[in-house]
Amino acid sequence: MPKFRILYLRHNVLEQSESVEAPDILGVIKKASGRPSDVTVEIWSDKGRVGIIRPSPVTNH
């Protein structure tokens, strides 16, 4: 099973990281979900960065 590294960043500062094994990128996204909305998540494989989940912009109506 492929190995991935998940980096959790807040204000461009590394807050936490973890290594996971998952069958594909969707499995890694499921693992990374549930974080606070102001955390950016980068997903890395042996090929480099393969995904990024950014915080949603806040809008005031």
Protein backbone atom coordinates (compact mmCIF):
# COMPACT_ATOMS: atom_id res chain seq x y z
CA MET A 1 0.00 0.00 0.00
CA PRO A 2 1.36 3.48 -0.87
CA LYS A 3 2.73 5.67 1.91
CA PHE A 4 1.78 9.32 2.28
CA ARG A 5 2.81 12.14 4.59
CA ILE A 6 0.18 14.58 5.83
CA LEU A 7 1.31 18.03 6.97
CA TYR A 8 -1.01 20.24 9.01
CA LEU A 9 -0.15 23.94 8.81
CA ARG A 10 -1.64 26.94 10.56
CA HIS A 11 -0.57 30.36 9.28
CA ASN A 12 2.18 28.63 7.21
CA VAL A 13 3.71 27.06 10.34
CA LEU A 14 3.88 23.29 10.64
CA GLU A 15 1.63 22.28 13.51
CA GLN A 16 1.62 18.50 13.10
CA SER A 17 2.54 15.76 10.63
CA GLU A 18 1.80 12.10 10.25
CA SER A 19 2.66 9.21 7.96
CA VAL A 20 -0.17 7.05 6.69
CA GLU A 21 -0.66 4.14 4.33
CA ALA A 22 -3.72 4.29 2.12
CA PRO A 23 -4.84 2.63 -1.11
CA ASP A 24 -5.20 6.03 -2.83
CA ILE A 25 -5.39 9.79 -2.31
CA LEU A 26 -9.07 9.60 -1.35
CA GLY A 27 -8.18 7.44 1.63
CA VAL A 28 -5.66 10.03 2.73
CA ILE A 29 -8.20 12.85 2.35
CA LYS A 30 -10.63 10.93 4.58
CA LYS A 31 -7.88 10.54 7.17
CA ALA A 32 -7.05 14.26 7.05
CA SER A 33 -10.65 15.49 7.25
CA GLY A 34 -12.15 16.80 10.45
CA ARG A 35 -9.47 19.35 11.20
CA PRO A 36 -10.31 22.92 12.25
CA SER A 37 -11.30 25.14 9.33
CA ASP A 38 -8.20 27.36 9.63
CA VAL A 39 -5.71 24.51 9.05
CA THR A 40 -4.11 23.92 5.66
CA VAL A 41 -3.42 20.27 4.88
CA GLU A 42 -0.70 19.21 2.44
CA ILE A 43 -0.52 15.61 1.24
CA TRP A 44 2.83 14.30 0.04
CA SER A 45 3.89 11.05 -1.61
CA ASP A 46 7.28 9.87 -2.83
CA LYS A 47 6.52 11.84 -6.02
CA GLY A 48 6.14 15.15 -4.17
CA ARG A 49 3.09 17.13 -3.10
CA VAL A 50 -0.03 15.46 -4.49
CA GLY A 51 -2.73 17.48 -2.78
CA ILE A 52 -3.56 20.52 -0.73
CA ILE A 53 -6.69 21.32 1.23
CA ARG A 54 -6.97 25.01 2.05
CA PRO A 55 -9.24 26.73 4.54
CA SER A 56 -12.45 28.13 3.13
CA PRO A 57 -12.44 31.89 2.82
CA VAL A 58 -14.59 33.65 5.39
CA THR A 59 -17.24 35.90 3.94
CA ASN A 60 -19.35 38.41 5.80
CA HIS A 61 -22.80 39.02 4.37
